[in-house]
Amino acid sequence: MNQDTVVSLASHAMTLALKIAGPLLLVGLGVGLVISVFQAVTQIQEQSLTLIPKIVGIAVVVVLMGPWMLGQLVSYTSALYTSIPTMVGS
């Protein structure tokens, strides 16, 4: 296993992590921004007002996109496991 292989594996792993975490982070960011603007307009400073909608939004994304996320992880892992003999041999 040489440096190019390690860099390639790390790059693919980080790309996959961004693909999987991206929708969750974007929903959390969007909901947080909307709730923050609402709090600034109405001057309501309740902590649970930001937490509950974020949890609900992220749960909806996990329910809707969970099978896709799991499929991405399984395909990456199976490709990684099948390429182990070629990486060790080189």
PDB file of N, CA and C in Angstrom:
ATOM      1  N   MET A   1       0.857  -1.168   0.000  1.00  0.00           N
ATOM      2  CA  MET A   1       0.000   0.000   0.000  1.00  0.00           C
ATOM      3  C   MET A   1       0.905   1.233   0.000  1.00  0.00           C
ATOM      4  N   ASN A   2       0.731   2.063  -1.004  1.00  0.00           N
ATOM      5  CA  ASN A   2       1.563   3.252  -1.109  1.00  0.00           C
ATOM      6  C   ASN A   2       0.784   4.507  -0.707  1.00  0.00           C
ATOM      7  N   GLN A   3       1.435   5.643  -0.796  1.00  0.00           N
ATOM      8  CA  GLN A   3       0.821   6.897  -0.360  1.00  0.00           C
ATOM      9  C   GLN A   3      -0.376   7.282  -1.222  1.00  0.00           C
ATOM     10  N   ASP A   4      -0.303   6.998  -2.511  1.00  0.00           N
ATOM     11  CA  ASP A   4      -1.412   7.347  -3.406  1.00  0.00           C
ATOM     12  C   ASP A   4      -2.689   6.603  -3.022  1.00  0.00           C
ATOM     13  N   THR A   5      -2.547   5.362  -2.636  1.00  0.00           N
ATOM     14  CA  THR A   5      -3.704   4.563  -2.228  1.00  0.00           C
ATOM     15  C   THR A   5      -4.319   5.119  -0.953  1.00  0.00           C
ATOM     16  N   VAL A   6      -3.480   5.474  -0.001  1.00  0.00           N
ATOM     17  CA  VAL A   6      -3.974   6.014   1.265  1.00  0.00           C
ATOM     18  C   VAL A   6      -4.673   7.351   1.037  1.00  0.00           C
ATOM     19  N   VAL A   7      -4.094   8.194   0.224  1.00  0.00           N
ATOM     20  CA  VAL A   7      -4.703   9.495  -0.072  1.00  0.00           C
ATOM     21  C   VAL A   7      -6.021   9.307  -0.801  1.00  0.00           C
ATOM     22  N   SER A   8      -6.071   8.369  -1.721  1.00  0.00           N
ATOM     23  CA  SER A   8      -7.308   8.093  -2.449  1.00  0.00           C
ATOM     24  C   SER A   8      -8.393   7.572  -1.513  1.00  0.00           C
ATOM     25  N   LEU A   9      -8.043   6.658  -0.614  1.00  0.00           N
ATOM     26  CA  LEU A   9      -9.022   6.145   0.343  1.00  0.00           C
ATOM     27  C   LEU A   9      -9.534   7.247   1.264  1.00  0.00           C
ATOM     28  N   ALA A  10      -8.644   8.088   1.740  1.00  0.00           N
ATOM     29  CA  ALA A  10      -9.053   9.184   2.615  1.00  0.00           C
ATOM     30  C   ALA A  10      -9.938  10.183   1.875  1.00  0.00           C
ATOM     31  N   SER A  11      -9.610  10.444   0.636  1.00  0.00           N
ATOM     32  CA  SER A  11     -10.407  11.370  -0.168  1.00  0.00           C
ATOM     33  C   SER A  11     -11.809  10.834  -0.408  1.00  0.00           C
ATOM     34  N   HIS A  12     -11.909   9.552  -0.747  1.00  0.00           N
ATOM     35  CA  HIS A  12     -13.224   8.944  -0.968  1.00  0.00           C
ATOM     36  C   HIS A  12     -14.043   8.903   0.326  1.00  0.00           C
ATOM     37  N   ALA A  13     -13.380   8.627   1.438  1.00  0.00           N
ATOM     38  CA  ALA A  13     -14.083   8.582   2.719  1.00  0.00           C
ATOM     39  C   ALA A  13     -14.611   9.960   3.103  1.00  0.00           C
ATOM     40  N   MET A  14     -13.815  10.998   2.903  1.00  0.00           N
ATOM     41  CA  MET A  14     -14.277  12.352   3.225  1.00  0.00           C
ATOM     42  C   MET A  14     -15.393  12.807   2.295  1.00  0.00           C
ATOM     43  N   THR A  15     -15.293  12.443   1.029  1.00  0.00           N
ATOM     44  CA  THR A  15     -16.357  12.785   0.089  1.00  0.00           C
ATOM     45  C   THR A  15     -17.663  12.104   0.471  1.00  0.00           C
ATOM     46  N   LEU A  16     -17.578  10.849   0.839  1.00  0.00           N
ATOM     47  CA  LEU A  16     -18.765  10.116   1.272  1.00  0.00           C
ATOM     48  C   LEU A  16     -19.346  10.716   2.545  1.00  0.00           C
ATOM     49  N   ALA A  17     -18.498  11.097   3.481  1.00  0.00           N
ATOM     50  CA  ALA A  17     -18.975  11.715   4.717  1.00  0.00           C
ATOM     51  C   ALA A  17     -19.698  13.025   4.430  1.00  0.00           C
ATOM     52  N   LEU A  18     -19.187  13.807   3.512  1.00  0.00           N
ATOM     53  CA  LEU A  18     -19.855  15.058   3.143  1.00  0.00           C
ATOM     54  C   LEU A  18     -21.173  14.811   2.425  1.00  0.00           C
ATOM     55  N   LYS A  19     -21.211  13.780   1.566  1.00  0.00           N
ATOM     56  CA  LYS A  19     -22.460  13.462   0.877  1.00  0.00           C
ATOM     57  C   LYS A  19     -23.534  13.008   1.844  1.00  0.00           C
ATOM     58  N   ILE A  20     -23.137  12.273   2.868  1.00  0.00           N
ATOM     59  CA  ILE A  20     -24.115  11.759   3.820  1.00  0.00           C
ATOM     60  C   ILE A  20     -24.521  12.824   4.832  1.00  0.00           C
ATOM     61  N   ALA A  21     -23.568  13.584   5.329  1.00  0.00           N
ATOM     62  CA  ALA A  21     -23.875  14.579   6.358  1.00  0.00           C
ATOM     63  C   ALA A  21     -24.428  15.876   5.779  1.00  0.00           C
ATOM     64  N   GLY A  22     -24.202  16.125   4.508  1.00  0.00           N
ATOM     65  CA  GLY A  22     -24.627  17.376   3.886  1.00  0.00           C
ATOM     66  C   GLY A  22     -26.109  17.684   4.028  1.00  0.00           C
ATOM     67  N   PRO A  23     -26.986  16.770   3.646  1.00  0.00           N
ATOM     68  CA  PRO A  23     -28.420  17.073   3.789  1.00  0.00           C
ATOM     69  C   PRO A  23     -28.847  17.330   5.230  1.00  0.00           C
ATOM     70  N   LEU A  24     -28.291  16.581   6.162  1.00  0.00           N
ATOM     71  CA  LEU A  24     -28.633  16.784   7.570  1.00  0.00           C
ATOM     72  C   LEU A  24     -28.169  18.153   8.049  1.00  0.00           C
ATOM     73  N   LEU A  25     -26.951  18.528   7.681  1.00  0.00           N
ATOM     74  CA  LEU A  25     -26.426  19.820   8.100  1.00  0.00           C
ATOM     75  C   LEU A  25     -27.174  20.975   7.444  1.00  0.00           C
ATOM     76  N   LEU A  26     -27.531  20.816   6.184  1.00  0.00           N
ATOM     77  CA  LEU A  26     -28.254  21.887   5.492  1.00  0.00           C
ATOM     78  C   LEU A  26     -29.649  22.089   6.072  1.00  0.00           C
ATOM     79  N   VAL A  27     -30.333  21.018   6.413  1.00  0.00           N
ATOM     80  CA  VAL A  27     -31.656  21.152   7.025  1.00  0.00           C
ATOM     81  C   VAL A  27     -31.537  21.804   8.393  1.00  0.00           C
ATOM     82  N   GLY A  28     -30.555  21.381   9.181  1.00  0.00           N
ATOM     83  CA  GLY A  28     -30.341  22.005  10.489  1.00  0.00           C
ATOM     84  C   GLY A  28     -30.016  23.475  10.371  1.00  0.00           C
ATOM     85  N   LEU A  29     -29.207  23.825   9.378  1.00  0.00           N
ATOM     86  CA  LEU A  29     -28.860  25.228   9.147  1.00  0.00           C
ATOM     87  C   LEU A  29     -30.074  26.036   8.712  1.00  0.00           C
ATOM     88  N   GLY A  30     -30.846  25.498   7.778  1.00  0.00           N
ATOM     89  CA  GLY A  30     -32.024  26.214   7.285  1.00  0.00           C
ATOM     90  C   GLY A  30     -33.080  26.421   8.356  1.00  0.00           C
ATOM     91  N   VAL A  31     -33.375  25.371   9.089  1.00  0.00           N
ATOM     92  CA  VAL A  31     -34.374  25.486  10.156  1.00  0.00           C
ATOM     93  C   VAL A  31     -33.879  26.446  11.234  1.00  0.00           C
ATOM     94  N   GLY A  32     -32.610  26.347  11.591  1.00  0.00           N
ATOM     95  CA  GLY A  32     -32.055  27.252  12.595  1.00  0.00           C
ATOM     96  C   GLY A  32     -32.104  28.697  12.161  1.00  0.00           C
ATOM     97  N   LEU A  33     -31.834  28.945  10.889  1.00  0.00           N
ATOM     98  CA  LEU A  33     -31.884  30.309  10.372  1.00  0.00           C
ATOM     99  C   LEU A  33     -33.301  30.866  10.396  1.00  0.00           C
ATOM    100  N   VAL A  34     -34.267  30.065   9.967  1.00  0.00           N
ATOM    101  CA  VAL A  34     -35.663  30.512   9.973  1.00  0.00           C
ATOM    102  C   VAL A  34     -36.137  30.780  11.401  1.00  0.00           C
ATOM    103  N   ILE A  35     -35.818  29.909  12.320  1.00  0.00           N
ATOM    104  CA  ILE A  35     -36.241  30.088  13.704  1.00  0.00           C
ATOM    105  C   ILE A  35     -35.534  31.297  14.325  1.00  0.00           C
ATOM    106  N   SER A  36     -34.271  31.508  14.000  1.00  0.00           N
ATOM    107  CA  SER A  36     -33.553  32.668  14.533  1.00  0.00           C
ATOM    108  C   SER A  36     -34.147  33.974  14.041  1.00  0.00           C
ATOM    109  N   VAL A  37     -34.525  34.023  12.774  1.00  0.00           N
ATOM    110  CA  VAL A  37     -35.179  35.226  12.251  1.00  0.00           C
ATOM    111  C   VAL A  37     -36.526  35.429  12.934  1.00  0.00           C
ATOM    112  N   PHE A  38     -37.272  34.342  13.121  1.00  0.00           N
ATOM    113  CA  PHE A  38     -38.555  34.429  13.819  1.00  0.00           C
ATOM    114  C   PHE A  38     -38.365  34.944  15.243  1.00  0.00           C
ATOM    115  N   GLN A  39     -37.349  34.451  15.941  1.00  0.00           N
ATOM    116  CA  GLN A  39     -37.088  34.905  17.304  1.00  0.00           C
ATOM    117  C   GLN A  39     -36.668  36.374  17.341  1.00  0.00           C
ATOM    118  N   ALA A  40     -35.893  36.795  16.348  1.00  0.00           N
ATOM    119  CA  ALA A  40     -35.467  38.187  16.314  1.00  0.00           C
ATOM    120  C   ALA A  40     -36.643  39.122  16.037  1.00  0.00           C
ATOM    121  N   VAL A  41     -37.565  38.679  15.191  1.00  0.00           N
ATOM    122  CA  VAL A  41     -38.722  39.522  14.860  1.00  0.00           C
ATOM    123  C   VAL A  41     -39.682  39.601  16.040  1.00  0.00           C
ATOM    124  N   THR A  42     -39.938  38.478  16.680  1.00  0.00           N
ATOM    125  CA  THR A  42     -40.927  38.460  17.755  1.00  0.00           C
ATOM    126  C   THR A  42     -40.312  38.688  19.132  1.00  0.00           C
ATOM    127  N   GLN A  43     -39.000  38.726  19.233  1.00  0.00           N
ATOM    128  CA  GLN A  43     -38.268  38.904  20.489  1.00  0.00           C
ATOM    129  C   GLN A  43     -38.599  37.813  21.510  1.00  0.00           C
ATOM    130  N   ILE A  44     -38.877  36.624  21.028  1.00  0.00           N
ATOM    131  CA  ILE A  44     -39.078  35.460  21.900  1.00  0.00           C
ATOM    132  C   ILE A  44     -37.716  34.774  22.036  1.00  0.00           C
ATOM    133  N   GLN A  45     -37.238  34.597  23.245  1.00  0.00           N
ATOM    134  CA  GLN A  45     -35.937  33.977  23.470  1.00  0.00           C
ATOM    135  C   GLN A  45     -36.109  32.662  24.230  1.00  0.00           C
ATOM    136  N   GLU A  46     -36.742  31.721  23.605  1.00  0.00           N
ATOM    137  CA  GLU A  46     -36.973  30.409  24.211  1.00  0.00           C
ATOM    138  C   GLU A  46     -36.013  29.402  23.580  1.00  0.00           C
ATOM    139  N   GLN A  47     -35.239  28.683  24.397  1.00  0.00           N
ATOM    140  CA  GLN A  47     -34.239  27.751  23.888  1.00  0.00           C
ATOM    141  C   GLN A  47     -34.867  26.550  23.187  1.00  0.00           C
ATOM    142  N   SER A  48     -35.982  26.067  23.702  1.00  0.00           N
ATOM    143  CA  SER A  48     -36.602  24.892  23.091  1.00  0.00           C
ATOM    144  C   SER A  48     -37.216  25.216  21.738  1.00  0.00           C
ATOM    145  N   LEU A  49     -37.442  26.481  21.472  1.00  0.00           N
ATOM    146  CA  LEU A  49     -38.013  26.880  20.184  1.00  0.00           C
ATOM    147  C   LEU A  49     -37.035  26.599  19.048  1.00  0.00           C
ATOM    148  N   THR A  50     -35.747  26.634  19.312  1.00  0.00           N
ATOM    149  CA  THR A  50     -34.781  26.313  18.253  1.00  0.00           C
ATOM    150  C   THR A  50     -34.482  24.827  18.196  1.00  0.00           C
ATOM    151  N   LEU A  51     -34.517  24.168  19.337  1.00  0.00           N
ATOM    152  CA  LEU A  51     -34.103  22.768  19.385  1.00  0.00           C
ATOM    153  C   LEU A  51     -35.140  21.820  18.780  1.00  0.00           C
ATOM    154  N   ILE A  52     -36.381  21.978  19.131  1.00  0.00           N
ATOM    155  CA  ILE A  52     -37.423  21.038  18.698  1.00  0.00           C
ATOM    156  C   ILE A  52     -37.598  21.037  17.179  1.00  0.00           C
ATOM    157  N   PRO A  53     -37.703  22.187  16.495  1.00  0.00           N
ATOM    158  CA  PRO A  53     -37.841  22.140  15.032  1.00  0.00           C
ATOM    159  C   PRO A  53     -36.623  21.538  14.330  1.00  0.00           C
ATOM    160  N   LYS A  54     -35.436  21.768  14.871  1.00  0.00           N
ATOM    161  CA  LYS A  54     -34.246  21.165  14.265  1.00  0.00           C
ATOM    162  C   LYS A  54     -34.291  19.645  14.377  1.00  0.00           C
ATOM    163  N   ILE A  55     -34.675  19.157  15.547  1.00  0.00           N
ATOM    164  CA  ILE A  55     -34.769  17.701  15.744  1.00  0.00           C
ATOM    165  C   ILE A  55     -35.799  17.105  14.792  1.00  0.00           C
ATOM    166  N   VAL A  56     -36.944  17.764  14.669  1.00  0.00           N
ATOM    167  CA  VAL A  56     -37.996  17.263  13.779  1.00  0.00           C
ATOM    168  C   VAL A  56     -37.526  17.301  12.324  1.00  0.00           C
ATOM    169  N   GLY A  57     -36.893  18.383  11.910  1.00  0.00           N
ATOM    170  CA  GLY A  57     -36.403  18.490  10.530  1.00  0.00           C
ATOM    171  C   GLY A  57     -35.367  17.446  10.198  1.00  0.00           C
ATOM    172  N   ILE A  58     -34.433  17.234  11.100  1.00  0.00           N
ATOM    173  CA  ILE A  58     -33.395  16.237  10.857  1.00  0.00           C
ATOM    174  C   ILE A  58     -33.982  14.832  10.880  1.00  0.00           C
ATOM    175  N   ALA A  59     -34.968  14.595  11.747  1.00  0.00           N
ATOM    176  CA  ALA A  59     -35.617  13.277  11.765  1.00  0.00           C
ATOM    177  C   ALA A  59     -36.340  13.009  10.453  1.00  0.00           C
ATOM    178  N   VAL A  60     -36.981  14.022   9.894  1.00  0.00           N
ATOM    179  CA  VAL A  60     -37.666  13.860   8.601  1.00  0.00           C
ATOM    180  C   VAL A  60     -36.663  13.537   7.510  1.00  0.00           C
ATOM    181  N   VAL A  61     -35.524  14.216   7.510  1.00  0.00           N
ATOM    182  CA  VAL A  61     -34.504  13.946   6.496  1.00  0.00           C
ATOM    183  C   VAL A  61     -33.952  12.532   6.650  1.00  0.00           C
ATOM    184  N   VAL A  62     -33.742  12.085   7.879  1.00  0.00           N
ATOM    185  CA  VAL A  62     -33.236  10.725   8.096  1.00  0.00           C
ATOM    186  C   VAL A  62     -34.253   9.695   7.613  1.00  0.00           C
ATOM    187  N   VAL A  63     -35.535   9.943   7.863  1.00  0.00           N
ATOM    188  CA  VAL A  63     -36.564   9.002   7.416  1.00  0.00           C
ATOM    189  C   VAL A  63     -36.641   8.970   5.892  1.00  0.00           C
ATOM    190  N   LEU A  64     -36.581  10.135   5.267  1.00  0.00           N
ATOM    191  CA  LEU A  64     -36.716  10.189   3.814  1.00  0.00           C
ATOM    192  C   LEU A  64     -35.452   9.738   3.080  1.00  0.00           C
ATOM    193  N   MET A  65     -34.287  10.136   3.574  1.00  0.00           N
ATOM    194  CA  MET A  65     -33.044   9.858   2.861  1.00  0.00           C
ATOM    195  C   MET A  65     -32.217   8.752   3.514  1.00  0.00           C
ATOM    196  N   GLY A  66     -32.717   8.157   4.592  1.00  0.00           N
ATOM    197  CA  GLY A  66     -31.978   7.111   5.286  1.00  0.00           C
ATOM    198  C   GLY A  66     -31.601   5.932   4.422  1.00  0.00           C
ATOM    199  N   PRO A  67     -32.535   5.409   3.620  1.00  0.00           N
ATOM    200  CA  PRO A  67     -32.160   4.274   2.753  1.00  0.00           C
ATOM    201  C   PRO A  67     -31.048   4.623   1.756  1.00  0.00           C
ATOM    202  N   TRP A  68     -31.089   5.837   1.223  1.00  0.00           N
ATOM    203  CA  TRP A  68     -30.033   6.261   0.299  1.00  0.00           C
ATOM    204  C   TRP A  68     -28.696   6.365   1.029  1.00  0.00           C
ATOM    205  N   MET A  69     -28.716   6.962   2.223  1.00  0.00           N
ATOM    206  CA  MET A  69     -27.483   7.095   3.011  1.00  0.00           C
ATOM    207  C   MET A  69     -26.903   5.725   3.347  1.00  0.00           C
ATOM    208  N   LEU A  70     -27.763   4.820   3.775  1.00  0.00           N
ATOM    209  CA  LEU A  70     -27.310   3.470   4.106  1.00  0.00           C
ATOM    210  C   LEU A  70     -26.769   2.758   2.876  1.00  0.00           C
ATOM    211  N   GLY A  71     -27.420   2.936   1.743  1.00  0.00           N
ATOM    212  CA  GLY A  71     -26.933   2.330   0.498  1.00  0.00           C
ATOM    213  C   GLY A  71     -25.561   2.849   0.112  1.00  0.00           C
ATOM    214  N   GLN A  72     -25.335   4.148   0.290  1.00  0.00           N
ATOM    215  CA  GLN A  72     -24.025   4.722  -0.005  1.00  0.00           C
ATOM    216  C   GLN A  72     -22.945   4.128   0.904  1.00  0.00           C
ATOM    217  N   LEU A  73     -23.264   4.026   2.190  1.00  0.00           N
ATOM    218  CA  LEU A  73     -22.291   3.459   3.129  1.00  0.00           C
ATOM    219  C   LEU A  73     -21.997   1.992   2.837  1.00  0.00           C
ATOM    220  N   VAL A  74     -23.043   1.222   2.524  1.00  0.00           N
ATOM    221  CA  VAL A  74     -22.856  -0.207   2.251  1.00  0.00           C
ATOM    222  C   VAL A  74     -22.054  -0.411   0.968  1.00  0.00           C
ATOM    223  N   SER A  75     -22.348   0.369  -0.065  1.00  0.00           N
ATOM    224  CA  SER A  75     -21.603   0.203  -1.319  1.00  0.00           C
ATOM    225  C   SER A  75     -20.139   0.598  -1.147  1.00  0.00           C
ATOM    226  N   TYR A  76     -19.874   1.665  -0.396  1.00  0.00           N
ATOM    227  CA  TYR A  76     -18.484   2.058  -0.148  1.00  0.00           C
ATOM    228  C   TYR A  76     -17.754   0.990   0.646  1.00  0.00           C
ATOM    229  N   THR A  77     -18.409   0.463   1.677  1.00  0.00           N
ATOM    230  CA  THR A  77     -17.770  -0.548   2.517  1.00  0.00           C
ATOM    231  C   THR A  77     -17.514  -1.834   1.750  1.00  0.00           C
ATOM    232  N   SER A  78     -18.474  -2.254   0.941  1.00  0.00           N
ATOM    233  CA  SER A  78     -18.263  -3.494   0.175  1.00  0.00           C
ATOM    234  C   SER A  78     -17.175  -3.305  -0.878  1.00  0.00           C
ATOM    235  N   ALA A  79     -17.123  -2.121  -1.497  1.00  0.00           N
ATOM    236  CA  ALA A  79     -16.048  -1.863  -2.454  1.00  0.00           C
ATOM    237  C   ALA A  79     -14.694  -1.828  -1.758  1.00  0.00           C
ATOM    238  N   LEU A  80     -14.670  -1.287  -0.564  1.00  0.00           N
ATOM    239  CA  LEU A  80     -13.428  -1.246   0.196  1.00  0.00           C
ATOM    240  C   LEU A  80     -12.970  -2.647   0.580  1.00  0.00           C
ATOM    241  N   TYR A  81     -13.909  -3.479   1.038  1.00  0.00           N
ATOM    242  CA  TYR A  81     -13.568  -4.858   1.428  1.00  0.00           C
ATOM    243  C   TYR A  81     -13.107  -5.695   0.234  1.00  0.00           C
ATOM    244  N   THR A  82     -13.746  -5.499  -0.914  1.00  0.00           N
ATOM    245  CA  THR A  82     -13.317  -6.283  -2.080  1.00  0.00           C
ATOM    246  C   THR A  82     -11.986  -5.816  -2.632  1.00  0.00           C
ATOM    247  N   SER A  83     -11.578  -4.583  -2.356  1.00  0.00           N
ATOM    248  CA  SER A  83     -10.305  -4.095  -2.869  1.00  0.00           C
ATOM    249  C   SER A  83      -9.146  -4.323  -1.910  1.00  0.00           C
ATOM    250  N   ILE A  84      -9.409  -4.912  -0.758  1.00  0.00           N
ATOM    251  CA  ILE A  84      -8.329  -5.170   0.202  1.00  0.00           C
ATOM    252  C   ILE A  84      -7.238  -6.084  -0.380  1.00  0.00           C
ATOM    253  N   PRO A  85      -7.572  -7.176  -1.049  1.00  0.00           N
ATOM    254  CA  PRO A  85      -6.491  -8.015  -1.591  1.00  0.00           C
ATOM    255  C   PRO A  85      -5.597  -7.290  -2.603  1.00  0.00           C
ATOM    256  N   THR A  86      -6.174  -6.436  -3.406  1.00  0.00           N
ATOM    257  CA  THR A  86      -5.353  -5.705  -4.371  1.00  0.00           C
ATOM    258  C   THR A  86      -4.492  -4.637  -3.695  1.00  0.00           C
ATOM    259  N   MET A  87      -4.997  -4.056  -2.620  1.00  0.00           N
ATOM    260  CA  MET A  87      -4.206  -3.042  -1.920  1.00  0.00           C
ATOM    261  C   MET A  87      -3.058  -3.678  -1.144  1.00  0.00           C
ATOM    262  N   VAL A  88      -3.284  -4.841  -0.569  1.00  0.00           N
ATOM    263  CA  VAL A  88      -2.232  -5.506   0.199  1.00  0.00           C
ATOM    264  C   VAL A  88      -1.169  -6.066  -0.726  1.00  0.00           C
ATOM    265  N   GLY A  89      -1.604  -6.550  -1.883  1.00  0.00           N
ATOM    266  CA  GLY A  89      -0.648  -7.143  -2.821  1.00  0.00           C
ATOM    267  C   GLY A  89       0.252  -6.142  -3.495  1.00  0.00           C
ATOM    268  N   SER A  90      -0.170  -4.876  -3.570  1.00  0.00           N
ATOM    269  CA  SER A  90       0.667  -3.897  -4.285  1.00  0.00           C
ATOM    270  C   SER A  90       1.660  -3.210  -3.407  1.00  0.00           C
TER     271      SER A  90
END
